[in-house]
Amino acid sequence: MKVLEKNQTKVLETEKLLREIITSPAEFKDDEELLKALKSQSAIAKYQNQGRDITSCSLNTVKSISEALLERGFLSLDELRINAKLAIDATHCDERASKGNKQTAVGLKHKVAELESELDAAQRSNFLLTVMVSELRSKLKQLAVHEGTVEERQELYRVHNKKIEAELNYTLNGEV
Protein backbone atom coordinates (compact mmCIF):
# COMPACT_ATOMS: atom_id res chain seq x y z
CA MET A 1 0.00 0.00 0.00
CA LYS A 2 1.38 3.40 -0.94
CA VAL A 3 2.03 6.09 1.69
CA LEU A 4 -0.84 8.28 0.45
CA GLU A 5 -3.25 5.34 0.64
CA LYS A 6 -2.03 4.47 4.15
CA ASN A 7 -2.56 8.06 5.27
CA GLN A 8 -6.03 8.21 3.71
CA THR A 9 -6.92 4.92 5.38
CA LYS A 10 -5.58 6.29 8.68
CA VAL A 11 -7.87 9.33 8.52
CA LEU A 12 -10.96 7.34 7.54
CA GLU A 13 -10.34 4.57 10.09
CA THR A 14 -9.57 7.12 12.82
CA GLU A 15 -12.86 8.88 12.07
CA LYS A 16 -14.66 5.53 12.25
CA LEU A 17 -12.95 4.67 15.56
CA LEU A 18 -13.83 8.05 17.09
CA ARG A 19 -17.48 7.58 16.16
CA GLU A 20 -17.43 4.13 17.79
CA ILE A 21 -15.92 5.60 20.95
CA ILE A 22 -18.61 8.29 21.11
CA THR A 23 -21.43 5.78 20.78
CA SER A 24 -19.88 3.07 23.03
CA PRO A 25 -17.30 4.71 25.31
CA ALA A 26 -17.36 1.91 27.90
CA GLU A 27 -15.73 -0.48 25.43
CA PHE A 28 -12.67 1.78 25.14
CA LYS A 29 -12.30 3.14 28.71
CA ASP A 30 -9.42 0.81 29.62
CA ASP A 31 -7.30 1.35 26.48
CA GLU A 32 -4.51 3.50 27.95
CA GLU A 33 -2.79 4.06 24.57
CA LEU A 34 -6.03 5.31 23.06
CA LEU A 35 -6.73 7.56 26.06
CA LYS A 36 -3.32 9.20 25.59
CA ALA A 37 -4.02 9.64 21.87
CA LEU A 38 -7.29 11.47 22.56
CA LYS A 39 -5.56 14.15 24.64
CA SER A 40 -4.24 16.22 21.73
CA GLN A 41 -4.27 16.65 17.97
CA SER A 42 -0.67 15.56 17.59
CA ALA A 43 -1.23 12.51 19.80
CA ILE A 44 -4.14 11.33 17.66
CA ALA A 45 -1.95 11.79 14.56
CA LYS A 46 0.78 9.62 16.10
CA TYR A 47 -1.72 6.98 17.29
CA GLN A 48 -1.42 3.64 15.57
CA ASN A 49 -3.50 0.48 15.73
CA GLN A 50 -2.52 -2.36 13.42
CA GLY A 51 -5.86 -4.15 13.83
CA ARG A 52 -7.74 -1.12 12.52
CA ASP A 53 -5.25 -0.11 9.77
CA ILE A 54 -4.39 3.09 11.63
CA THR A 55 -0.77 4.07 11.14
CA SER A 56 1.25 6.86 12.68
CA CYS A 57 1.85 10.06 10.71
CA SER A 58 2.42 13.76 11.28
CA LEU A 59 -0.28 16.19 12.35
CA ASN A 60 0.17 18.19 9.13
CA THR A 61 -0.43 15.03 7.09
CA VAL A 62 -3.61 14.25 9.03
CA LYS A 63 -4.80 17.84 8.54
CA SER A 64 -4.15 17.90 4.79
CA ILE A 65 -5.66 14.44 4.18
CA SER A 66 -8.69 15.34 6.34
CA GLU A 67 -9.27 18.50 4.32
CA ALA A 68 -9.30 16.41 1.14
CA LEU A 69 -11.42 13.49 2.42
CA LEU A 70 -13.83 14.85 5.00
CA GLU A 71 -16.64 17.28 4.28
CA ARG A 72 -15.73 19.62 7.14
CA GLY A 73 -12.05 18.76 6.98
CA PHE A 74 -9.84 18.44 10.02
CA LEU A 75 -12.32 20.39 12.14
CA SER A 76 -14.78 17.48 12.10
CA LEU A 77 -12.04 14.99 13.02
CA ASP A 78 -10.89 17.17 15.91
CA GLU A 79 -14.46 17.61 17.17
CA LEU A 80 -14.88 13.84 17.08
CA ARG A 81 -11.62 13.45 19.06
CA ILE A 82 -12.80 15.89 21.73
CA ASN A 83 -16.24 14.28 21.99
CA ALA A 84 -14.67 10.82 22.21
CA LYS A 85 -12.44 11.99 25.07
CA LEU A 86 -15.42 13.51 26.86
CA ALA A 87 -17.43 10.33 26.38
CA ILE A 88 -14.72 8.18 27.95
CA ASP A 89 -14.24 10.70 30.78
CA ALA A 90 -17.97 10.52 31.48
CA THR A 91 -17.81 6.72 31.85
CA HIS A 92 -15.00 7.05 34.39
CA CYS A 93 -17.09 9.55 36.40
CA ASP A 94 -20.09 7.20 36.32
CA GLU A 95 -18.00 4.36 37.76
CA ARG A 96 -16.71 6.51 40.64
CA ALA A 97 -20.11 7.87 41.61
CA SER A 98 -21.71 6.00 44.46
CA LYS A 99 -25.43 5.48 44.53
CA GLY A 100 -27.38 7.06 47.33
CA ASN A 101 -30.86 7.91 48.49
CA LYS A 102 -32.51 10.60 46.35
CA GLN A 103 -33.61 12.37 49.51
CA THR A 104 -30.04 13.01 50.67
CA ALA A 105 -27.56 15.54 49.32
CA VAL A 106 -25.26 12.76 48.09
CA GLY A 107 -28.19 10.99 46.43
CA LEU A 108 -29.31 14.16 44.71
CA LYS A 109 -25.75 14.85 43.52
CA HIS A 110 -25.64 11.35 42.09
CA LYS A 111 -28.98 11.90 40.33
CA VAL A 112 -27.73 15.19 38.86
CA ALA A 113 -24.55 13.48 37.65
CA GLU A 114 -26.63 10.68 36.13
CA LEU A 115 -28.90 13.15 34.33
CA GLU A 116 -25.90 15.17 33.11
CA SER A 117 -24.41 11.95 31.74
CA GLU A 118 -27.65 11.18 29.89
CA LEU A 119 -27.70 14.72 28.52
CA ASP A 120 -24.08 14.33 27.42
CA ALA A 121 -24.94 11.09 25.60
CA ALA A 122 -27.89 12.80 23.89
CA GLN A 123 -25.67 15.71 22.86
CA ARG A 124 -23.08 13.31 21.40
CA SER A 125 -25.81 11.52 19.50
CA ASN A 126 -27.14 14.85 18.21
CA PHE A 127 -23.64 15.82 17.10
CA LEU A 128 -23.27 12.59 15.11
CA LEU A 129 -26.70 13.08 13.57
CA THR A 130 -25.78 16.66 12.63
CA VAL A 131 -22.63 15.38 10.92
CA MET A 132 -24.74 12.81 9.07
CA VAL A 133 -27.17 15.51 7.89
CA SER A 134 -24.21 17.48 6.58
CA GLU A 135 -22.97 14.39 4.74
CA LEU A 136 -26.45 13.79 3.34
CA ARG A 137 -26.59 17.31 1.95
CA SER A 138 -23.24 16.72 0.27
CA LYS A 139 -24.50 13.47 -1.27
CA LEU A 140 -27.68 15.19 -2.46
CA LYS A 141 -25.60 17.85 -4.17
CA GLN A 142 -23.48 15.14 -5.77
CA LEU A 143 -26.63 13.46 -7.10
CA ALA A 144 -28.05 16.77 -8.33
CA VAL A 145 -25.00 17.60 -10.43
CA HIS A 146 -24.34 14.02 -11.62
CA GLU A 147 -24.11 14.03 -15.41
CA GLY A 148 -24.45 10.29 -16.03
CA THR A 149 -27.43 8.26 -17.10
CA VAL A 150 -30.56 7.77 -15.00
CA GLU A 151 -29.40 4.23 -14.16
CA GLU A 152 -26.00 5.53 -12.96
CA ARG A 153 -27.73 8.15 -10.83
CA GLN A 154 -30.05 5.51 -9.35
CA GLU A 155 -27.09 3.24 -8.57
CA LEU A 156 -25.27 6.15 -6.93
CA TYR A 157 -28.40 6.81 -4.87
CA ARG A 158 -28.57 3.14 -3.78
CA VAL A 159 -24.92 3.15 -2.70
CA HIS A 160 -25.31 6.38 -0.71
CA ASN A 161 -28.60 5.22 0.80
CA LYS A 162 -27.09 1.92 2.03
CA LYS A 163 -24.16 3.72 3.63
CA ILE A 164 -26.38 6.29 5.35
CA GLU A 165 -28.77 3.59 6.61
CA ALA A 166 -25.83 1.70 8.12
CA GLU A 167 -24.42 4.85 9.77
CA LEU A 168 -27.85 5.80 11.10
CA ASN A 169 -28.46 2.32 12.55
CA TYR A 170 -25.04 2.35 14.15
CA THR A 171 -25.46 5.84 15.58
CA LEU A 172 -28.94 5.25 16.99
CA ASN A 173 -28.79 1.58 17.93
CA GLY A 174 -25.12 0.62 17.99
CA GLU A 175 -25.79 -2.07 15.40
CA VAL A 176 -24.77 -2.51 11.79
C-alpha atoms as a PDB file:
ATOM      1  CA  MET A   1       0.000   0.000   0.000  1.00  0.00           C
ATOM      2  CA  LYS A   2       1.377   3.400  -0.942  1.00  0.00           C
ATOM      3  CA  VAL A   3       2.025   6.088   1.687  1.00  0.00           C
ATOM      4  CA  LEU A   4      -0.842   8.276   0.447  1.00  0.00           C
ATOM      5  CA  GLU A   5      -3.254   5.340   0.636  1.00  0.00           C
ATOM      6  CA  LYS A   6      -2.028   4.471   4.151  1.00  0.00           C
ATOM      7  CA  ASN A   7      -2.563   8.058   5.272  1.00  0.00           C
ATOM      8  CA  GLN A   8      -6.025   8.212   3.711  1.00  0.00           C
ATOM      9  CA  THR A   9      -6.921   4.922   5.383  1.00  0.00           C
ATOM     10  CA  LYS A  10      -5.578   6.289   8.684  1.00  0.00           C
ATOM     11  CA  VAL A  11      -7.867   9.332   8.518  1.00  0.00           C
ATOM     12  CA  LEU A  12     -10.962   7.337   7.544  1.00  0.00           C
ATOM     13  CA  GLU A  13     -10.341   4.573  10.093  1.00  0.00           C
ATOM     14  CA  THR A  14      -9.573   7.120  12.824  1.00  0.00           C
ATOM     15  CA  GLU A  15     -12.856   8.880  12.072  1.00  0.00           C
ATOM     16  CA  LYS A  16     -14.663   5.531  12.254  1.00  0.00           C
ATOM     17  CA  LEU A  17     -12.946   4.669  15.564  1.00  0.00           C
ATOM     18  CA  LEU A  18     -13.828   8.054  17.094  1.00  0.00           C
ATOM     19  CA  ARG A  19     -17.482   7.581  16.157  1.00  0.00           C
ATOM     20  CA  GLU A  20     -17.427   4.133  17.786  1.00  0.00           C
ATOM     21  CA  ILE A  21     -15.922   5.605  20.950  1.00  0.00           C
ATOM     22  CA  ILE A  22     -18.609   8.287  21.113  1.00  0.00           C
ATOM     23  CA  THR A  23     -21.435   5.775  20.783  1.00  0.00           C
ATOM     24  CA  SER A  24     -19.884   3.069  23.034  1.00  0.00           C
ATOM     25  CA  PRO A  25     -17.297   4.707  25.309  1.00  0.00           C
ATOM     26  CA  ALA A  26     -17.357   1.912  27.905  1.00  0.00           C
ATOM     27  CA  GLU A  27     -15.726  -0.482  25.428  1.00  0.00           C
ATOM     28  CA  PHE A  28     -12.666   1.776  25.144  1.00  0.00           C
ATOM     29  CA  LYS A  29     -12.299   3.140  28.708  1.00  0.00           C
ATOM     30  CA  ASP A  30      -9.421   0.808  29.622  1.00  0.00           C
ATOM     31  CA  ASP A  31      -7.303   1.348  26.483  1.00  0.00           C
ATOM     32  CA  GLU A  32      -4.510   3.500  27.946  1.00  0.00           C
ATOM     33  CA  GLU A  33      -2.788   4.059  24.574  1.00  0.00           C
ATOM     34  CA  LEU A  34      -6.033   5.308  23.059  1.00  0.00           C
ATOM     35  CA  LEU A  35      -6.733   7.561  26.061  1.00  0.00           C
ATOM     36  CA  LYS A  36      -3.316   9.196  25.586  1.00  0.00           C
ATOM     37  CA  ALA A  37      -4.024   9.638  21.869  1.00  0.00           C
ATOM     38  CA  LEU A  38      -7.287  11.474  22.560  1.00  0.00           C
ATOM     39  CA  LYS A  39      -5.556  14.150  24.642  1.00  0.00           C
ATOM     40  CA  SER A  40      -4.238  16.222  21.729  1.00  0.00           C
ATOM     41  CA  GLN A  41      -4.273  16.649  17.973  1.00  0.00           C
ATOM     42  CA  SER A  42      -0.669  15.559  17.592  1.00  0.00           C
ATOM     43  CA  ALA A  43      -1.227  12.513  19.805  1.00  0.00           C
ATOM     44  CA  ILE A  44      -4.140  11.327  17.658  1.00  0.00           C
ATOM     45  CA  ALA A  45      -1.946  11.790  14.562  1.00  0.00           C
ATOM     46  CA  LYS A  46       0.779   9.621  16.101  1.00  0.00           C
ATOM     47  CA  TYR A  47      -1.720   6.980  17.295  1.00  0.00           C
ATOM     48  CA  GLN A  48      -1.424   3.637  15.571  1.00  0.00           C
ATOM     49  CA  ASN A  49      -3.500   0.478  15.730  1.00  0.00           C
ATOM     50  CA  GLN A  50      -2.520  -2.359  13.425  1.00  0.00           C
ATOM     51  CA  GLY A  51      -5.859  -4.147  13.829  1.00  0.00           C
ATOM     52  CA  ARG A  52      -7.739  -1.116  12.525  1.00  0.00           C
ATOM     53  CA  ASP A  53      -5.251  -0.105   9.774  1.00  0.00           C
ATOM     54  CA  ILE A  54      -4.394   3.090  11.632  1.00  0.00           C
ATOM     55  CA  THR A  55      -0.768   4.073  11.137  1.00  0.00           C
ATOM     56  CA  SER A  56       1.251   6.861  12.680  1.00  0.00           C
ATOM     57  CA  CYS A  57       1.854  10.060  10.715  1.00  0.00           C
ATOM     58  CA  SER A  58       2.416  13.760  11.285  1.00  0.00           C
ATOM     59  CA  LEU A  59      -0.276  16.194  12.354  1.00  0.00           C
ATOM     60  CA  ASN A  60       0.170  18.187   9.131  1.00  0.00           C
ATOM     61  CA  THR A  61      -0.429  15.033   7.090  1.00  0.00           C
ATOM     62  CA  VAL A  62      -3.612  14.251   9.031  1.00  0.00           C
ATOM     63  CA  LYS A  63      -4.796  17.841   8.540  1.00  0.00           C
ATOM     64  CA  SER A  64      -4.155  17.895   4.786  1.00  0.00           C
ATOM     65  CA  ILE A  65      -5.658  14.436   4.177  1.00  0.00           C
ATOM     66  CA  SER A  66      -8.692  15.339   6.336  1.00  0.00           C
ATOM     67  CA  GLU A  67      -9.273  18.495   4.323  1.00  0.00           C
ATOM     68  CA  ALA A  68      -9.303  16.414   1.143  1.00  0.00           C
ATOM     69  CA  LEU A  69     -11.419  13.491   2.422  1.00  0.00           C
ATOM     70  CA  LEU A  70     -13.826  14.846   5.004  1.00  0.00           C
ATOM     71  CA  GLU A  71     -16.635  17.282   4.275  1.00  0.00           C
ATOM     72  CA  ARG A  72     -15.732  19.618   7.143  1.00  0.00           C
ATOM     73  CA  GLY A  73     -12.052  18.765   6.977  1.00  0.00           C
ATOM     74  CA  PHE A  74      -9.839  18.438  10.024  1.00  0.00           C
ATOM     75  CA  LEU A  75     -12.318  20.395  12.137  1.00  0.00           C
ATOM     76  CA  SER A  76     -14.775  17.478  12.098  1.00  0.00           C
ATOM     77  CA  LEU A  77     -12.040  14.990  13.015  1.00  0.00           C
ATOM     78  CA  ASP A  78     -10.886  17.168  15.907  1.00  0.00           C
ATOM     79  CA  GLU A  79     -14.460  17.609  17.166  1.00  0.00           C
ATOM     80  CA  LEU A  80     -14.879  13.836  17.082  1.00  0.00           C
ATOM     81  CA  ARG A  81     -11.623  13.445  19.061  1.00  0.00           C
ATOM     82  CA  ILE A  82     -12.801  15.893  21.729  1.00  0.00           C
ATOM     83  CA  ASN A  83     -16.240  14.280  21.989  1.00  0.00           C
ATOM     84  CA  ALA A  84     -14.669  10.816  22.212  1.00  0.00           C
ATOM     85  CA  LYS A  85     -12.440  11.989  25.069  1.00  0.00           C
ATOM     86  CA  LEU A  86     -15.425  13.513  26.860  1.00  0.00           C
ATOM     87  CA  ALA A  87     -17.434  10.329  26.381  1.00  0.00           C
ATOM     88  CA  ILE A  88     -14.721   8.177  27.953  1.00  0.00           C
ATOM     89  CA  ASP A  89     -14.239  10.698  30.779  1.00  0.00           C
ATOM     90  CA  ALA A  90     -17.969  10.522  31.484  1.00  0.00           C
ATOM     91  CA  THR A  91     -17.810   6.720  31.847  1.00  0.00           C
ATOM     92  CA  HIS A  92     -15.001   7.052  34.391  1.00  0.00           C
ATOM     93  CA  CYS A  93     -17.091   9.545  36.402  1.00  0.00           C
ATOM     94  CA  ASP A  94     -20.088   7.201  36.325  1.00  0.00           C
ATOM     95  CA  GLU A  95     -18.002   4.359  37.762  1.00  0.00           C
ATOM     96  CA  ARG A  96     -16.710   6.506  40.636  1.00  0.00           C
ATOM     97  CA  ALA A  97     -20.105   7.868  41.613  1.00  0.00           C
ATOM     98  CA  SER A  98     -21.713   6.003  44.462  1.00  0.00           C
ATOM     99  CA  LYS A  99     -25.429   5.476  44.529  1.00  0.00           C
ATOM    100  CA  GLY A 100     -27.382   7.061  47.330  1.00  0.00           C
ATOM    101  CA  ASN A 101     -30.857   7.912  48.489  1.00  0.00           C
ATOM    102  CA  LYS A 102     -32.507  10.602  46.353  1.00  0.00           C
ATOM    103  CA  GLN A 103     -33.606  12.375  49.513  1.00  0.00           C
ATOM    104  CA  THR A 104     -30.040  13.006  50.667  1.00  0.00           C
ATOM    105  CA  ALA A 105     -27.558  15.542  49.322  1.00  0.00           C
ATOM    106  CA  VAL A 106     -25.262  12.757  48.089  1.00  0.00           C
ATOM    107  CA  GLY A 107     -28.186  10.989  46.426  1.00  0.00           C
ATOM    108  CA  LEU A 108     -29.305  14.164  44.706  1.00  0.00           C
ATOM    109  CA  LYS A 109     -25.754  14.854  43.521  1.00  0.00           C
ATOM    110  CA  HIS A 110     -25.637  11.355  42.086  1.00  0.00           C
ATOM    111  CA  LYS A 111     -28.975  11.895  40.331  1.00  0.00           C
ATOM    112  CA  VAL A 112     -27.728  15.192  38.864  1.00  0.00           C
ATOM    113  CA  ALA A 113     -24.551  13.477  37.654  1.00  0.00           C
ATOM    114  CA  GLU A 114     -26.628  10.684  36.129  1.00  0.00           C
ATOM    115  CA  LEU A 115     -28.901  13.146  34.335  1.00  0.00           C
ATOM    116  CA  GLU A 116     -25.904  15.166  33.112  1.00  0.00           C
ATOM    117  CA  SER A 117     -24.410  11.955  31.743  1.00  0.00           C
ATOM    118  CA  GLU A 118     -27.646  11.176  29.895  1.00  0.00           C
ATOM    119  CA  LEU A 119     -27.700  14.718  28.523  1.00  0.00           C
ATOM    120  CA  ASP A 120     -24.083  14.332  27.423  1.00  0.00           C
ATOM    121  CA  ALA A 121     -24.936  11.090  25.602  1.00  0.00           C
ATOM    122  CA  ALA A 122     -27.885  12.797  23.895  1.00  0.00           C
ATOM    123  CA  GLN A 123     -25.667  15.712  22.859  1.00  0.00           C
ATOM    124  CA  ARG A 124     -23.076  13.313  21.404  1.00  0.00           C
ATOM    125  CA  SER A 125     -25.807  11.524  19.499  1.00  0.00           C
ATOM    126  CA  ASN A 126     -27.141  14.850  18.214  1.00  0.00           C
ATOM    127  CA  PHE A 127     -23.640  15.819  17.103  1.00  0.00           C
ATOM    128  CA  LEU A 128     -23.272  12.593  15.113  1.00  0.00           C
ATOM    129  CA  LEU A 129     -26.702  13.079  13.573  1.00  0.00           C
ATOM    130  CA  THR A 130     -25.779  16.661  12.627  1.00  0.00           C
ATOM    131  CA  VAL A 131     -22.625  15.377  10.920  1.00  0.00           C
ATOM    132  CA  MET A 132     -24.742  12.814   9.074  1.00  0.00           C
ATOM    133  CA  VAL A 133     -27.169  15.511   7.888  1.00  0.00           C
ATOM    134  CA  SER A 134     -24.214  17.476   6.579  1.00  0.00           C
ATOM    135  CA  GLU A 135     -22.966  14.389   4.738  1.00  0.00           C
ATOM    136  CA  LEU A 136     -26.453  13.789   3.335  1.00  0.00           C
ATOM    137  CA  ARG A 137     -26.585  17.308   1.954  1.00  0.00           C
ATOM    138  CA  SER A 138     -23.244  16.716   0.274  1.00  0.00           C
ATOM    139  CA  LYS A 139     -24.498  13.466  -1.273  1.00  0.00           C
ATOM    140  CA  LEU A 140     -27.680  15.192  -2.458  1.00  0.00           C
ATOM    141  CA  LYS A 141     -25.598  17.847  -4.167  1.00  0.00           C
ATOM    142  CA  GLN A 142     -23.484  15.138  -5.770  1.00  0.00           C
ATOM    143  CA  LEU A 143     -26.632  13.458  -7.103  1.00  0.00           C
ATOM    144  CA  ALA A 144     -28.046  16.774  -8.326  1.00  0.00           C
ATOM    145  CA  VAL A 145     -24.996  17.598 -10.434  1.00  0.00           C
ATOM    146  CA  HIS A 146     -24.338  14.021 -11.622  1.00  0.00           C
ATOM    147  CA  GLU A 147     -24.114  14.031 -15.408  1.00  0.00           C
ATOM    148  CA  GLY A 148     -24.453  10.290 -16.032  1.00  0.00           C
ATOM    149  CA  THR A 149     -27.434   8.257 -17.099  1.00  0.00           C
ATOM    150  CA  VAL A 150     -30.563   7.766 -14.997  1.00  0.00           C
ATOM    151  CA  GLU A 151     -29.398   4.233 -14.162  1.00  0.00           C
ATOM    152  CA  GLU A 152     -26.001   5.532 -12.964  1.00  0.00           C
ATOM    153  CA  ARG A 153     -27.730   8.152 -10.826  1.00  0.00           C
ATOM    154  CA  GLN A 154     -30.048   5.508  -9.349  1.00  0.00           C
ATOM    155  CA  GLU A 155     -27.089   3.243  -8.566  1.00  0.00           C
ATOM    156  CA  LEU A 156     -25.265   6.150  -6.927  1.00  0.00           C
ATOM    157  CA  TYR A 157     -28.400   6.806  -4.867  1.00  0.00           C
ATOM    158  CA  ARG A 158     -28.566   3.142  -3.779  1.00  0.00           C
ATOM    159  CA  VAL A 159     -24.921   3.152  -2.700  1.00  0.00           C
ATOM    160  CA  HIS A 160     -25.310   6.380  -0.707  1.00  0.00           C
ATOM    161  CA  ASN A 161     -28.605   5.222   0.799  1.00  0.00           C
ATOM    162  CA  LYS A 162     -27.095   1.924   2.026  1.00  0.00           C
ATOM    163  CA  LYS A 163     -24.157   3.724   3.632  1.00  0.00           C
ATOM    164  CA  ILE A 164     -26.376   6.293   5.346  1.00  0.00           C
ATOM    165  CA  GLU A 165     -28.769   3.593   6.615  1.00  0.00           C
ATOM    166  CA  ALA A 166     -25.835   1.699   8.124  1.00  0.00           C
ATOM    167  CA  GLU A 167     -24.422   4.846   9.775  1.00  0.00           C
ATOM    168  CA  LEU A 168     -27.849   5.801  11.103  1.00  0.00           C
ATOM    169  CA  ASN A 169     -28.462   2.320  12.547  1.00  0.00           C
ATOM    170  CA  TYR A 170     -25.035   2.348  14.152  1.00  0.00           C
ATOM    171  CA  THR A 171     -25.463   5.842  15.580  1.00  0.00           C
ATOM    172  CA  LEU A 172     -28.940   5.251  16.990  1.00  0.00           C
ATOM    173  CA  ASN A 173     -28.793   1.585  17.935  1.00  0.00           C
ATOM    174  CA  GLY A 174     -25.123   0.624  17.992  1.00  0.00           C
ATOM    175  CA  GLU A 175     -25.793  -2.072  15.395  1.00  0.00           C
ATOM    176  CA  VAL A 176     -24.767  -2.507  11.786  1.00  0.00           C
END
